Amino acid sequence: MILSWADHAWNDYLYWQKTDKKILKRINLLIENIKRHPFEGSGNP
């Protein structure tokens, strides 16, 4: 799977890298979950 980022989304991702590692970890977990199970979800919209 190829990830594609909108400019604003990438800037947001970089912001979280600098400011809050806990939120960044959650974002990364969501991305990994999407890559592993693209048609299922975590159940938390």
PDB file of N, CA and C in Angstrom:
ATOM      1  N   MET A   1       0.845  -1.168   0.000  1.00  0.00           N
ATOM      2  CA  MET A   1       0.000   0.000   0.000  1.00  0.00           C
ATOM      3  C   MET A   1       0.893   1.234   0.000  1.00  0.00           C
ATOM      4  N   ILE A   2       0.557   2.183  -0.837  1.00  0.00           N
ATOM      5  CA  ILE A   2       1.292   3.442  -0.908  1.00  0.00           C
ATOM      6  C   ILE A   2       0.499   4.501  -0.151  1.00  0.00           C
ATOM      7  N   LEU A   3       1.161   5.175   0.771  1.00  0.00           N
ATOM      8  CA  LEU A   3       0.511   6.254   1.507  1.00  0.00           C
ATOM      9  C   LEU A   3       0.670   7.555   0.745  1.00  0.00           C
ATOM     10  N   SER A   4      -0.388   8.311   0.696  1.00  0.00           N
ATOM     11  CA  SER A   4      -0.371   9.610   0.034  1.00  0.00           C
ATOM     12  C   SER A   4      -0.873  10.646   1.031  1.00  0.00           C
ATOM     13  N   TRP A   5      -0.105  11.710   1.193  1.00  0.00           N
ATOM     14  CA  TRP A   5      -0.435  12.736   2.179  1.00  0.00           C
ATOM     15  C   TRP A   5      -0.777  14.044   1.476  1.00  0.00           C
ATOM     16  N   ALA A   6      -1.846  14.680   1.896  1.00  0.00           N
ATOM     17  CA  ALA A   6      -2.117  16.054   1.483  1.00  0.00           C
ATOM     18  C   ALA A   6      -1.096  16.936   2.208  1.00  0.00           C
ATOM     19  N   ASP A   7      -0.771  18.077   1.629  1.00  0.00           N
ATOM     20  CA  ASP A   7       0.234  18.954   2.242  1.00  0.00           C
ATOM     21  C   ASP A   7      -0.128  19.303   3.682  1.00  0.00           C
ATOM     22  N   HIS A   8      -1.373  19.666   3.898  1.00  0.00           N
ATOM     23  CA  HIS A   8      -1.802  20.055   5.240  1.00  0.00           C
ATOM     24  C   HIS A   8      -1.709  18.861   6.203  1.00  0.00           C
ATOM     25  N   ALA A   9      -2.080  17.685   5.728  1.00  0.00           N
ATOM     26  CA  ALA A   9      -2.013  16.490   6.575  1.00  0.00           C
ATOM     27  C   ALA A   9      -0.570  16.173   6.957  1.00  0.00           C
ATOM     28  N   TRP A  10       0.337  16.308   6.008  1.00  0.00           N
ATOM     29  CA  TRP A  10       1.752  16.042   6.303  1.00  0.00           C
ATOM     30  C   TRP A  10       2.286  17.048   7.319  1.00  0.00           C
ATOM     31  N   ASN A  11       1.902  18.302   7.170  1.00  0.00           N
ATOM     32  CA  ASN A  11       2.318  19.321   8.139  1.00  0.00           C
ATOM     33  C   ASN A  11       1.773  19.000   9.525  1.00  0.00           C
ATOM     34  N   ASP A  12       0.532  18.520   9.587  1.00  0.00           N
ATOM     35  CA  ASP A  12      -0.043  18.116  10.868  1.00  0.00           C
ATOM     36  C   ASP A  12       0.750  16.956  11.476  1.00  0.00           C
ATOM     37  N   TYR A  13       1.105  15.988  10.643  1.00  0.00           N
ATOM     38  CA  TYR A  13       1.868  14.831  11.112  1.00  0.00           C
ATOM     39  C   TYR A  13       3.222  15.280  11.677  1.00  0.00           C
ATOM     40  N   LEU A  14       3.890  16.170  10.983  1.00  0.00           N
ATOM     41  CA  LEU A  14       5.174  16.690  11.465  1.00  0.00           C
ATOM     42  C   LEU A  14       5.004  17.461  12.773  1.00  0.00           C
ATOM     43  N   TYR A  15       3.903  18.191  12.888  1.00  0.00           N
ATOM     44  CA  TYR A  15       3.615  18.922  14.123  1.00  0.00           C
ATOM     45  C   TYR A  15       3.522  17.958  15.307  1.00  0.00           C
ATOM     46  N   TRP A  16       2.777  16.855  15.122  1.00  0.00           N
ATOM     47  CA  TRP A  16       2.625  15.891  16.212  1.00  0.00           C
ATOM     48  C   TRP A  16       3.946  15.212  16.538  1.00  0.00           C
ATOM     49  N   GLN A  17       4.813  15.046  15.557  1.00  0.00           N
ATOM     50  CA  GLN A  17       6.134  14.473  15.832  1.00  0.00           C
ATOM     51  C   GLN A  17       6.917  15.360  16.795  1.00  0.00           C
ATOM     52  N   LYS A  18       6.738  16.658  16.660  1.00  0.00           N
ATOM     53  CA  LYS A  18       7.502  17.601  17.481  1.00  0.00           C
ATOM     54  C   LYS A  18       6.871  17.846  18.846  1.00  0.00           C
ATOM     55  N   THR A  19       5.540  17.719  18.955  1.00  0.00           N
ATOM     56  CA  THR A  19       4.878  18.194  20.160  1.00  0.00           C
ATOM     57  C   THR A  19       4.315  17.123  21.085  1.00  0.00           C
ATOM     58  N   ASP A  20       3.821  16.018  20.549  1.00  0.00           N
ATOM     59  CA  ASP A  20       3.147  15.050  21.416  1.00  0.00           C
ATOM     60  C   ASP A  20       3.355  13.628  20.899  1.00  0.00           C
ATOM     61  N   LYS A  21       4.283  12.938  21.511  1.00  0.00           N
ATOM     62  CA  LYS A  21       4.623  11.579  21.066  1.00  0.00           C
ATOM     63  C   LYS A  21       3.472  10.601  21.310  1.00  0.00           C
ATOM     64  N   LYS A  22       2.638  10.857  22.316  1.00  0.00           N
ATOM     65  CA  LYS A  22       1.509   9.967  22.592  1.00  0.00           C
ATOM     66  C   LYS A  22       0.494  10.017  21.443  1.00  0.00           C
ATOM     67  N   ILE A  23       0.180  11.202  20.971  1.00  0.00           N
ATOM     68  CA  ILE A  23      -0.740  11.352  19.836  1.00  0.00           C
ATOM     69  C   ILE A  23      -0.108  10.758  18.584  1.00  0.00           C
ATOM     70  N   LEU A  24       1.169  10.999  18.381  1.00  0.00           N
ATOM     71  CA  LEU A  24       1.866  10.450  17.217  1.00  0.00           C
ATOM     72  C   LEU A  24       1.817   8.926  17.222  1.00  0.00           C
ATOM     73  N   LYS A  25       1.997   8.319  18.383  1.00  0.00           N
ATOM     74  CA  LYS A  25       1.927   6.862  18.478  1.00  0.00           C
ATOM     75  C   LYS A  25       0.540   6.374  18.076  1.00  0.00           C
ATOM     76  N   ARG A  26      -0.502   7.063  18.512  1.00  0.00           N
ATOM     77  CA  ARG A  26      -1.877   6.688  18.159  1.00  0.00           C
ATOM     78  C   ARG A  26      -2.102   6.827  16.653  1.00  0.00           C
ATOM     79  N   ILE A  27      -1.600   7.902  16.064  1.00  0.00           N
ATOM     80  CA  ILE A  27      -1.722   8.101  14.614  1.00  0.00           C
ATOM     81  C   ILE A  27      -1.036   6.958  13.875  1.00  0.00           C
ATOM     82  N   ASN A  28       0.168   6.621  14.299  1.00  0.00           N
ATOM     83  CA  ASN A  28       0.911   5.538  13.649  1.00  0.00           C
ATOM     84  C   ASN A  28       0.201   4.194  13.798  1.00  0.00           C
ATOM     85  N   LEU A  29      -0.406   3.947  14.958  1.00  0.00           N
ATOM     86  CA  LEU A  29      -1.162   2.711  15.148  1.00  0.00           C
ATOM     87  C   LEU A  29      -2.366   2.657  14.210  1.00  0.00           C
ATOM     88  N   LEU A  30      -3.042   3.780  14.040  1.00  0.00           N
ATOM     89  CA  LEU A  30      -4.180   3.832  13.120  1.00  0.00           C
ATOM     90  C   LEU A  30      -3.738   3.575  11.683  1.00  0.00           C
ATOM     91  N   ILE A  31      -2.624   4.165  11.295  1.00  0.00           N
ATOM     92  CA  ILE A  31      -2.106   3.962   9.935  1.00  0.00           C
ATOM     93  C   ILE A  31      -1.749   2.494   9.725  1.00  0.00           C
ATOM     94  N   GLU A  32      -1.072   1.890  10.692  1.00  0.00           N
ATOM     95  CA  GLU A  32      -0.713   0.476  10.576  1.00  0.00           C
ATOM     96  C   GLU A  32      -1.954  -0.407  10.499  1.00  0.00           C
ATOM     97  N   ASN A  33      -2.972  -0.078  11.296  1.00  0.00           N
ATOM     98  CA  ASN A  33      -4.210  -0.847  11.274  1.00  0.00           C
ATOM     99  C   ASN A  33      -4.895  -0.739   9.910  1.00  0.00           C
ATOM    100  N   ILE A  34      -4.883   0.423   9.329  1.00  0.00           N
ATOM    101  CA  ILE A  34      -5.471   0.626   8.001  1.00  0.00           C
ATOM    102  C   ILE A  34      -4.708  -0.184   6.963  1.00  0.00           C
ATOM    103  N   LYS A  35      -3.388  -0.201   7.073  1.00  0.00           N
ATOM    104  CA  LYS A  35      -2.580  -0.960   6.115  1.00  0.00           C
ATOM    105  C   LYS A  35      -2.825  -2.464   6.236  1.00  0.00           C
ATOM    106  N   ARG A  36      -3.000  -2.954   7.443  1.00  0.00           N
ATOM    107  CA  ARG A  36      -3.199  -4.388   7.655  1.00  0.00           C
ATOM    108  C   ARG A  36      -4.617  -4.841   7.311  1.00  0.00           C
ATOM    109  N   HIS A  37      -5.604  -4.004   7.655  1.00  0.00           N
ATOM    110  CA  HIS A  37      -7.020  -4.364   7.497  1.00  0.00           C
ATOM    111  C   HIS A  37      -7.773  -3.197   6.855  1.00  0.00           C
ATOM    112  N   PRO A  38      -7.596  -2.985   5.562  1.00  0.00           N
ATOM    113  CA  PRO A  38      -8.163  -1.792   4.921  1.00  0.00           C
ATOM    114  C   PRO A  38      -9.691  -1.736   4.908  1.00  0.00           C
ATOM    115  N   PHE A  39     -10.373  -2.872   5.060  1.00  0.00           N
ATOM    116  CA  PHE A  39     -11.831  -2.872   4.991  1.00  0.00           C
ATOM    117  C   PHE A  39     -12.485  -3.060   6.349  1.00  0.00           C
ATOM    118  N   GLU A  40     -11.687  -3.063   7.388  1.00  0.00           N
ATOM    119  CA  GLU A  40     -12.184  -3.133   8.751  1.00  0.00           C
ATOM    120  C   GLU A  40     -11.756  -1.849   9.442  1.00  0.00           C
ATOM    121  N   GLY A  41     -12.229  -1.660  10.639  1.00  0.00           N
ATOM    122  CA  GLY A  41     -11.840  -0.457  11.350  1.00  0.00           C
ATOM    123  C   GLY A  41     -11.659  -0.730  12.826  1.00  0.00           C
ATOM    124  N   SER A  42     -11.184   0.275  13.520  1.00  0.00           N
ATOM    125  CA  SER A  42     -10.988   0.131  14.955  1.00  0.00           C
ATOM    126  C   SER A  42     -12.300   0.298  15.711  1.00  0.00           C
ATOM    127  N   GLY A  43     -13.352   0.752  15.016  1.00  0.00           N
ATOM    128  CA  GLY A  43     -14.645   0.939  15.654  1.00  0.00           C
ATOM    129  C   GLY A  43     -14.797   2.289  16.315  1.00  0.00           C
ATOM    130  N   ASN A  44     -13.825   3.165  16.133  1.00  0.00           N
ATOM    131  CA  ASN A  44     -13.869   4.499  16.728  1.00  0.00           C
ATOM    132  C   ASN A  44     -13.780   5.551  15.630  1.00  0.00           C
ATOM    133  N   PRO A  45     -14.935   5.974  15.120  1.00  0.00           N
ATOM    134  CA  PRO A  45     -14.888   6.963  14.024  1.00  0.00           C
ATOM    135  C   PRO A  45     -14.368   8.309  14.469  1.00  0.00           C
TER     136      PRO A  45
END
